[in-house]
PDB file of all heavy atoms in Angstrom:
ATOM      1  N   SER A   1      -4.107   0.332 -11.449  1.00  0.00           N
ATOM      2  CA  SER A   1      -4.272   1.054 -12.702  1.00  0.00           C
ATOM      3  C   SER A   1      -3.326   2.244 -12.771  1.00  0.00           C
ATOM      4  O   SER A   1      -2.298   2.179 -13.420  1.00  0.00           O
ATOM      5  CB  SER A   1      -5.730   1.519 -12.877  1.00  0.00           C
ATOM      6  OG  SER A   1      -5.902   2.143 -14.131  1.00  0.00           O
ATOM      7  N   CYS A   2      -3.637   3.326 -12.049  1.00  0.00           N
ATOM      8  CA  CYS A   2      -2.919   4.585 -12.284  1.00  0.00           C
ATOM      9  C   CYS A   2      -1.573   4.686 -11.588  1.00  0.00           C
ATOM     10  O   CYS A   2      -0.705   5.423 -12.009  1.00  0.00           O
ATOM     11  CB  CYS A   2      -3.799   5.764 -11.868  1.00  0.00           C
ATOM     12  SG  CYS A   2      -3.922   5.994 -10.074  1.00  0.00           S
ATOM     13  N   ARG A   3      -1.388   3.975 -10.478  1.00  0.00           N
ATOM     14  CA  ARG A   3      -0.168   4.039  -9.662  1.00  0.00           C
ATOM     15  C   ARG A   3       0.060   5.426  -9.065  1.00  0.00           C
ATOM     16  O   ARG A   3       1.172   5.753  -8.637  1.00  0.00           O
ATOM     17  CB  ARG A   3       1.061   3.633 -10.487  1.00  0.00           C
ATOM     18  CG  ARG A   3       0.979   2.252 -11.105  1.00  0.00           C
ATOM     19  CD  ARG A   3       2.152   1.982 -12.021  1.00  0.00           C
ATOM     20  NE  ARG A   3       3.399   1.938 -11.262  1.00  0.00           N
ATOM     21  CZ  ARG A   3       3.912   0.819 -10.740  1.00  0.00           C
ATOM     22  NH1 ARG A   3       3.282  -0.324 -10.883  1.00  0.00           N
ATOM     23  NH2 ARG A   3       5.040   0.850 -10.076  1.00  0.00           N
ATOM     24  N   MET A   4      -0.983   6.259  -9.001  1.00  0.00           N
ATOM     25  CA  MET A   4      -0.830   7.645  -8.530  1.00  0.00           C
ATOM     26  C   MET A   4      -1.872   8.029  -7.482  1.00  0.00           C
ATOM     27  O   MET A   4      -2.148   9.192  -7.270  1.00  0.00           O
ATOM     28  CB  MET A   4      -0.914   8.604  -9.715  1.00  0.00           C
ATOM     29  CG  MET A   4       0.152   8.400 -10.763  1.00  0.00           C
ATOM     30  SD  MET A   4      -0.068   9.446 -12.221  1.00  0.00           S
ATOM     31  CE  MET A   4       0.093  11.080 -11.534  1.00  0.00           C
ATOM     32  N   ALA A   5      -2.480   7.043  -6.815  1.00  0.00           N
ATOM     33  CA  ALA A   5      -3.477   7.294  -5.779  1.00  0.00           C
ATOM     34  C   ALA A   5      -4.652   8.116  -6.299  1.00  0.00           C
ATOM     35  O   ALA A   5      -5.169   8.988  -5.614  1.00  0.00           O
ATOM     36  CB  ALA A   5      -2.836   7.991  -4.573  1.00  0.00           C
ATOM     37  N   VAL A   6      -5.044   7.837  -7.549  1.00  0.00           N
ATOM     38  CA  VAL A   6      -6.168   8.538  -8.157  1.00  0.00           C
ATOM     39  C   VAL A   6      -7.315   7.590  -8.494  1.00  0.00           C
ATOM     40  O   VAL A   6      -8.477   7.907  -8.284  1.00  0.00           O
ATOM     41  CB  VAL A   6      -5.718   9.293  -9.430  1.00  0.00           C
ATOM     42  CG1 VAL A   6      -6.916   9.891 -10.153  1.00  0.00           C
ATOM     43  CG2 VAL A   6      -4.712  10.383  -9.079  1.00  0.00           C
ATOM     44  N   CYS A   7      -6.972   6.403  -9.012  1.00  0.00           N
ATOM     45  CA  CYS A   7      -8.023   5.495  -9.481  1.00  0.00           C
ATOM     46  C   CYS A   7      -8.693   4.717  -8.364  1.00  0.00           C
ATOM     47  O   CYS A   7      -9.841   4.296  -8.483  1.00  0.00           O
ATOM     48  CB  CYS A   7      -7.463   4.536 -10.526  1.00  0.00           C
ATOM     49  SG  CYS A   7      -6.360   3.270  -9.843  1.00  0.00           S
ATOM     50  N   GLY A   8      -7.988   4.473  -7.260  1.00  0.00           N
ATOM     51  CA  GLY A   8      -8.564   3.730  -6.150  1.00  0.00           C
ATOM     52  C   GLY A   8      -8.562   2.227  -6.322  1.00  0.00           C
ATOM     53  O   GLY A   8      -9.100   1.500  -5.485  1.00  0.00           O
ATOM     54  N   SER A   9      -7.950   1.719  -7.395  1.00  0.00           N
ATOM     55  CA  SER A   9      -8.022   0.289  -7.706  1.00  0.00           C
ATOM     56  C   SER A   9      -7.240  -0.596  -6.744  1.00  0.00           C
ATOM     57  O   SER A   9      -7.627  -1.734  -6.494  1.00  0.00           O
ATOM     58  CB  SER A   9      -7.496   0.027  -9.122  1.00  0.00           C
ATOM     59  OG  SER A   9      -8.263   0.695 -10.083  1.00  0.00           O
ATOM     60  N   CYS A  10      -6.117  -0.112  -6.233  1.00  0.00           N
ATOM     61  CA  CYS A  10      -5.194  -0.988  -5.508  1.00  0.00           C
ATOM     62  C   CYS A  10      -5.406  -0.976  -4.003  1.00  0.00           C
ATOM     63  O   CYS A  10      -4.466  -1.172  -3.231  1.00  0.00           O
ATOM     64  CB  CYS A  10      -3.746  -0.645  -5.841  1.00  0.00           C
ATOM     65  SG  CYS A  10      -3.229   1.016  -5.338  1.00  0.00           S
ATOM     66  N   GLY A  11      -6.647  -0.791  -3.567  1.00  0.00           N
ATOM     67  CA  GLY A  11      -6.937  -0.873  -2.148  1.00  0.00           C
ATOM     68  C   GLY A  11      -6.750  -2.286  -1.629  1.00  0.00           C
ATOM     69  O   GLY A  11      -7.175  -3.254  -2.260  1.00  0.00           O
ATOM     70  N   MET A  12      -6.092  -2.424  -0.488  1.00  0.00           N
ATOM     71  CA  MET A  12      -5.864  -3.727   0.139  1.00  0.00           C
ATOM     72  C   MET A  12      -5.558  -3.512   1.612  1.00  0.00           C
ATOM     73  O   MET A  12      -5.409  -2.364   2.064  1.00  0.00           O
ATOM     74  CB  MET A  12      -4.726  -4.472  -0.568  1.00  0.00           C
ATOM     75  CG  MET A  12      -3.434  -3.708  -0.654  1.00  0.00           C
ATOM     76  SD  MET A  12      -2.231  -4.447  -1.820  1.00  0.00           S
ATOM     77  CE  MET A  12      -2.970  -4.074  -3.413  1.00  0.00           C
ATOM     78  N   VAL A  13      -5.506  -4.567   2.374  1.00  0.00           N
ATOM     79  CA  VAL A  13      -5.198  -4.457   3.800  1.00  0.00           C
ATOM     80  C   VAL A  13      -3.735  -4.811   4.002  1.00  0.00           C
ATOM     81  O   VAL A  13      -3.301  -5.928   3.683  1.00  0.00           O
ATOM     82  CB  VAL A  13      -6.102  -5.385   4.632  1.00  0.00           C
ATOM     83  CG1 VAL A  13      -5.716  -5.322   6.108  1.00  0.00           C
ATOM     84  CG2 VAL A  13      -7.564  -4.984   4.463  1.00  0.00           C
ATOM     85  N   ILE A  14      -2.967  -3.871   4.539  1.00  0.00           N
ATOM     86  CA  ILE A  14      -1.530  -4.039   4.706  1.00  0.00           C
ATOM     87  C   ILE A  14      -1.199  -4.002   6.188  1.00  0.00           C
ATOM     88  O   ILE A  14      -1.423  -2.985   6.860  1.00  0.00           O
ATOM     89  CB  ILE A  14      -0.767  -2.940   3.948  1.00  0.00           C
ATOM     90  CG1 ILE A  14      -1.181  -2.940   2.465  1.00  0.00           C
ATOM     91  CG2 ILE A  14       0.736  -3.119   4.104  1.00  0.00           C
ATOM     92  CD1 ILE A  14      -0.688  -1.748   1.680  1.00  0.00           C
ATOM     93  N   ASN A  15      -0.726  -5.111   6.699  1.00  0.00           N
ATOM     94  CA  ASN A  15      -0.458  -5.259   8.131  1.00  0.00           C
ATOM     95  C   ASN A  15      -1.641  -4.784   8.979  1.00  0.00           C
ATOM     96  O   ASN A  15      -1.485  -4.062   9.962  1.00  0.00           O
ATOM     97  CB  ASN A  15       0.819  -4.530   8.527  1.00  0.00           C
ATOM     98  CG  ASN A  15       2.063  -5.345   8.214  1.00  0.00           C
ATOM     99  OD1 ASN A  15       2.001  -6.303   7.435  1.00  0.00           O
ATOM    100  ND2 ASN A  15       3.187  -4.982   8.795  1.00  0.00           N
ATOM    101  N   GLY A  16      -2.848  -5.169   8.530  1.00  0.00           N
ATOM    102  CA  GLY A  16      -4.050  -4.916   9.303  1.00  0.00           C
ATOM    103  C   GLY A  16      -4.744  -3.605   9.037  1.00  0.00           C
ATOM    104  O   GLY A  16      -5.823  -3.356   9.587  1.00  0.00           O
ATOM    105  N   THR A  17      -4.169  -2.746   8.192  1.00  0.00           N
ATOM    106  CA  THR A  17      -4.759  -1.435   7.925  1.00  0.00           C
ATOM    107  C   THR A  17      -5.097  -1.285   6.446  1.00  0.00           C
ATOM    108  O   THR A  17      -4.230  -1.531   5.594  1.00  0.00           O
ATOM    109  CB  THR A  17      -3.790  -0.308   8.339  1.00  0.00           C
ATOM    110  OG1 THR A  17      -3.468  -0.440   9.724  1.00  0.00           O
ATOM    111  CG2 THR A  17      -4.425   1.057   8.108  1.00  0.00           C
ATOM    112  N   PRO A  18      -6.320  -0.880   6.112  1.00  0.00           N
ATOM    113  CA  PRO A  18      -6.670  -0.656   4.701  1.00  0.00           C
ATOM    114  C   PRO A  18      -5.861   0.516   4.131  1.00  0.00           C
ATOM    115  O   PRO A  18      -5.878   1.610   4.686  1.00  0.00           O
ATOM    116  CB  PRO A  18      -8.168  -0.330   4.748  1.00  0.00           C
ATOM    117  CG  PRO A  18      -8.654  -0.891   6.047  1.00  0.00           C
ATOM    118  CD  PRO A  18      -7.498  -0.719   6.991  1.00  0.00           C
ATOM    119  N   LYS A  19      -5.156   0.258   3.021  1.00  0.00           N
ATOM    120  CA  LYS A  19      -4.325   1.279   2.392  1.00  0.00           C
ATOM    121  C   LYS A  19      -4.316   1.077   0.878  1.00  0.00           C
ATOM    122  O   LYS A  19      -4.731   0.033   0.377  1.00  0.00           O
ATOM    123  CB  LYS A  19      -2.877   1.214   2.911  1.00  0.00           C
ATOM    124  CG  LYS A  19      -2.708   1.559   4.379  1.00  0.00           C
ATOM    125  CD  LYS A  19      -1.243   1.566   4.763  1.00  0.00           C
ATOM    126  CE  LYS A  19      -1.045   1.997   6.207  1.00  0.00           C
ATOM    127  NZ  LYS A  19       0.407   2.081   6.574  1.00  0.00           N
ATOM    128  N   LEU A  20      -3.821   2.089   0.169  1.00  0.00           N
ATOM    129  CA  LEU A  20      -3.571   1.954  -1.259  1.00  0.00           C
ATOM    130  C   LEU A  20      -2.170   1.388  -1.453  1.00  0.00           C
ATOM    131  O   LEU A  20      -1.196   1.915  -0.903  1.00  0.00           O
ATOM    132  CB  LEU A  20      -3.687   3.304  -1.963  1.00  0.00           C
ATOM    133  CG  LEU A  20      -5.063   3.972  -1.979  1.00  0.00           C
ATOM    134  CD1 LEU A  20      -4.977   5.329  -2.675  1.00  0.00           C
ATOM    135  CD2 LEU A  20      -6.108   3.089  -2.646  1.00  0.00           C
ATOM    136  N   GLY A  21      -2.064   0.346  -2.259  1.00  0.00           N
ATOM    137  CA  GLY A  21      -0.763  -0.272  -2.478  1.00  0.00           C
ATOM    138  C   GLY A  21       0.237   0.656  -3.130  1.00  0.00           C
ATOM    139  O   GLY A  21       1.439   0.564  -2.873  1.00  0.00           O
ATOM    140  N   CYS A  22      -0.239   1.575  -3.958  1.00  0.00           N
ATOM    141  CA  CYS A  22       0.666   2.444  -4.710  1.00  0.00           C
ATOM    142  C   CYS A  22       1.314   3.530  -3.864  1.00  0.00           C
ATOM    143  O   CYS A  22       2.345   4.078  -4.250  1.00  0.00           O
ATOM    144  CB  CYS A  22      -0.068   3.062  -5.890  1.00  0.00           C
ATOM    145  SG  CYS A  22      -1.370   4.234  -5.421  1.00  0.00           S
ATOM    146  N   GLU A  23       0.712   3.862  -2.726  1.00  0.00           N
ATOM    147  CA  GLU A  23       1.311   4.915  -1.895  1.00  0.00           C
ATOM    148  C   GLU A  23       1.766   4.377  -0.537  1.00  0.00           C
ATOM    149  O   GLU A  23       1.963   5.135   0.412  1.00  0.00           O
ATOM    150  CB  GLU A  23       0.342   6.089  -1.719  1.00  0.00           C
ATOM    151  CG  GLU A  23      -0.943   5.791  -0.973  1.00  0.00           C
ATOM    152  CD  GLU A  23      -1.743   7.050  -0.680  1.00  0.00           C
ATOM    153  OE1 GLU A  23      -1.401   8.120  -1.213  1.00  0.00           O
ATOM    154  OE2 GLU A  23      -2.698   6.958   0.115  1.00  0.00           O
ATOM    155  N   THR A  24       1.935   3.061  -0.465  1.00  0.00           N
ATOM    156  CA  THR A  24       2.485   2.405   0.726  1.00  0.00           C
ATOM    157  C   THR A  24       3.851   1.855   0.359  1.00  0.00           C
ATOM    158  O   THR A  24       3.985   1.116  -0.618  1.00  0.00           O
ATOM    159  CB  THR A  24       1.562   1.261   1.179  1.00  0.00           C
ATOM    160  OG1 THR A  24       0.260   1.782   1.450  1.00  0.00           O
ATOM    161  CG2 THR A  24       2.104   0.605   2.436  1.00  0.00           C
ATOM    162  N   PHE A  25       4.881   2.206   1.136  1.00  0.00           N
ATOM    163  CA  PHE A  25       6.250   1.869   0.740  1.00  0.00           C
ATOM    164  C   PHE A  25       6.885   0.836   1.661  1.00  0.00           C
ATOM    165  O   PHE A  25       6.642   0.820   2.870  1.00  0.00           O
ATOM    166  CB  PHE A  25       7.105   3.136   0.693  1.00  0.00           C
ATOM    167  CG  PHE A  25       6.739   4.041  -0.458  1.00  0.00           C
ATOM    168  CD1 PHE A  25       5.734   4.993  -0.315  1.00  0.00           C
ATOM    169  CD2 PHE A  25       7.362   3.899  -1.685  1.00  0.00           C
ATOM    170  CE1 PHE A  25       5.368   5.804  -1.387  1.00  0.00           C
ATOM    171  CE2 PHE A  25       7.012   4.702  -2.762  1.00  0.00           C
ATOM    172  CZ  PHE A  25       6.011   5.659  -2.606  1.00  0.00           C
ATOM    173  N   LEU A  26       7.701  -0.022   1.062  1.00  0.00           N
ATOM    174  CA  LEU A  26       8.369  -1.079   1.815  1.00  0.00           C
ATOM    175  C   LEU A  26       9.236  -0.509   2.927  1.00  0.00           C
ATOM    176  O   LEU A  26       9.404  -1.127   3.979  1.00  0.00           O
ATOM    177  CB  LEU A  26       9.230  -1.929   0.872  1.00  0.00           C
ATOM    178  CG  LEU A  26       8.494  -2.743  -0.200  1.00  0.00           C
ATOM    179  CD1 LEU A  26       9.508  -3.580  -0.985  1.00  0.00           C
ATOM    180  CD2 LEU A  26       7.429  -3.636   0.411  1.00  0.00           C
ATOM    181  N   ARG A  27       9.802   0.673   2.715  1.00  0.00           N
ATOM    182  CA  ARG A  27      10.694   1.262   3.712  1.00  0.00           C
ATOM    183  C   ARG A  27       9.995   1.520   5.043  1.00  0.00           C
ATOM    184  O   ARG A  27      10.652   1.617   6.090  1.00  0.00           O
ATOM    185  CB  ARG A  27      11.298   2.561   3.188  1.00  0.00           C
ATOM    186  CG  ARG A  27      10.299   3.644   2.841  1.00  0.00           C
ATOM    187  CD  ARG A  27      11.000   4.933   2.412  1.00  0.00           C
ATOM    188  NE  ARG A  27      10.072   5.965   1.982  1.00  0.00           N
ATOM    189  CZ  ARG A  27       9.743   6.191   0.716  1.00  0.00           C
ATOM    190  NH1 ARG A  27      10.275   5.443  -0.241  1.00  0.00           N
ATOM    191  NH2 ARG A  27       8.882   7.149   0.399  1.00  0.00           N
ATOM    192  N   ASP A  28       8.663   1.634   5.013  1.00  0.00           N
ATOM    193  CA  ASP A  28       7.925   1.869   6.247  1.00  0.00           C
ATOM    194  C   ASP A  28       7.739   0.594   7.070  1.00  0.00           C
ATOM    195  O   ASP A  28       7.279   0.657   8.211  1.00  0.00           O
ATOM    196  CB  ASP A  28       6.551   2.469   5.928  1.00  0.00           C
ATOM    197  CG  ASP A  28       6.655   3.844   5.289  1.00  0.00           C
ATOM    198  OD1 ASP A  28       7.601   4.578   5.641  1.00  0.00           O
ATOM    199  OD2 ASP A  28       5.818   4.175   4.425  1.00  0.00           O
ATOM    200  N   TYR A  29       8.123  -0.560   6.509  1.00  0.00           N
ATOM    201  CA  TYR A  29       7.943  -1.838   7.202  1.00  0.00           C
ATOM    202  C   TYR A  29       9.251  -2.608   7.393  1.00  0.00           C
ATOM    203  O   TYR A  29       9.319  -3.505   8.229  1.00  0.00           O
ATOM    204  CB  TYR A  29       6.950  -2.716   6.418  1.00  0.00           C
ATOM    205  CG  TYR A  29       5.584  -2.091   6.305  1.00  0.00           C
ATOM    206  CD1 TYR A  29       5.252  -1.299   5.195  1.00  0.00           C
ATOM    207  CD2 TYR A  29       4.629  -2.251   7.294  1.00  0.00           C
ATOM    208  CE1 TYR A  29       4.006  -0.709   5.089  1.00  0.00           C
ATOM    209  CE2 TYR A  29       3.372  -1.670   7.199  1.00  0.00           C
ATOM    210  CZ  TYR A  29       3.073  -0.898   6.090  1.00  0.00           C
ATOM    211  OH  TYR A  29       1.837  -0.303   5.991  1.00  0.00           O
ATOM    212  N   TYR A  30      10.248  -2.265   6.617  1.00  0.00           N
ATOM    213  CA  TYR A  30      11.529  -2.971   6.683  1.00  0.00           C
ATOM    214  C   TYR A  30      12.157  -2.814   8.072  1.00  0.00           C
ATOM    215  O   TYR A  30      12.100  -1.721   8.652  1.00  0.00           O
ATOM    216  CB  TYR A  30      12.463  -2.415   5.608  1.00  0.00           C
ATOM    217  CG  TYR A  30      13.783  -3.140   5.516  1.00  0.00           C
ATOM    218  CD1 TYR A  30      13.872  -4.348   4.838  1.00  0.00           C
ATOM    219  CD2 TYR A  30      14.914  -2.613   6.125  1.00  0.00           C
ATOM    220  CE1 TYR A  30      15.094  -5.017   4.764  1.00  0.00           C
ATOM    221  CE2 TYR A  30      16.122  -3.282   6.057  1.00  0.00           C
ATOM    222  CZ  TYR A  30      16.205  -4.486   5.378  1.00  0.00           C
ATOM    223  OH  TYR A  30      17.400  -5.152   5.307  1.00  0.00           O
ATOM    224  N   PRO A  31      12.731  -3.859   8.653  1.00  0.00           N
ATOM    225  CA  PRO A  31      12.979  -5.189   8.092  1.00  0.00           C
ATOM    226  C   PRO A  31      11.892  -6.211   8.462  1.00  0.00           C
ATOM    227  O   PRO A  31      12.117  -7.409   8.329  1.00  0.00           O
ATOM    228  CB  PRO A  31      14.305  -5.561   8.743  1.00  0.00           C
ATOM    229  CG  PRO A  31      14.198  -4.973  10.115  1.00  0.00           C
ATOM    230  CD  PRO A  31      13.452  -3.669   9.936  1.00  0.00           C
ATOM    231  N   GLY A  32      10.746  -5.752   8.917  1.00  0.00           N
ATOM    232  CA  GLY A  32       9.697  -6.673   9.320  1.00  0.00           C
ATOM    233  C   GLY A  32       9.008  -7.326   8.128  1.00  0.00           C
ATOM    234  O   GLY A  32       9.256  -6.995   6.968  1.00  0.00           O
ATOM    235  N   THR A  33       8.136  -8.262   8.450  1.00  0.00           N
ATOM    236  CA  THR A  33       7.345  -8.951   7.429  1.00  0.00           C
ATOM    237  C   THR A  33       6.110  -8.132   7.100  1.00  0.00           C
ATOM    238  O   THR A  33       5.490  -7.530   7.984  1.00  0.00           O
ATOM    239  CB  THR A  33       6.922 -10.345   7.928  1.00  0.00           C
ATOM    240  OG1 THR A  33       8.102 -11.134   8.148  1.00  0.00           O
ATOM    241  CG2 THR A  33       6.019 -11.049   6.928  1.00  0.00           C
ATOM    242  N   VAL A  34       5.744  -8.079   5.826  1.00  0.00           N
ATOM    243  CA  VAL A  34       4.568  -7.344   5.386  1.00  0.00           C
ATOM    244  C   VAL A  34       3.472  -8.352   5.030  1.00  0.00           C
ATOM    245  O   VAL A  34       3.673  -9.214   4.170  1.00  0.00           O
ATOM    246  CB  VAL A  34       4.865  -6.454   4.163  1.00  0.00           C
ATOM    247  CG1 VAL A  34       3.631  -5.628   3.804  1.00  0.00           C
ATOM    248  CG2 VAL A  34       6.056  -5.552   4.439  1.00  0.00           C
TER     249      VAL A  34
END
């Protein structure tokens, strides 16, 4: 929804850790698989 880590809608598990999709960046995982 908000894309600003306010609404809480985009919670998901990313590489085994629960995180918000909107404040998790590809650069923190590149060049690995996400």
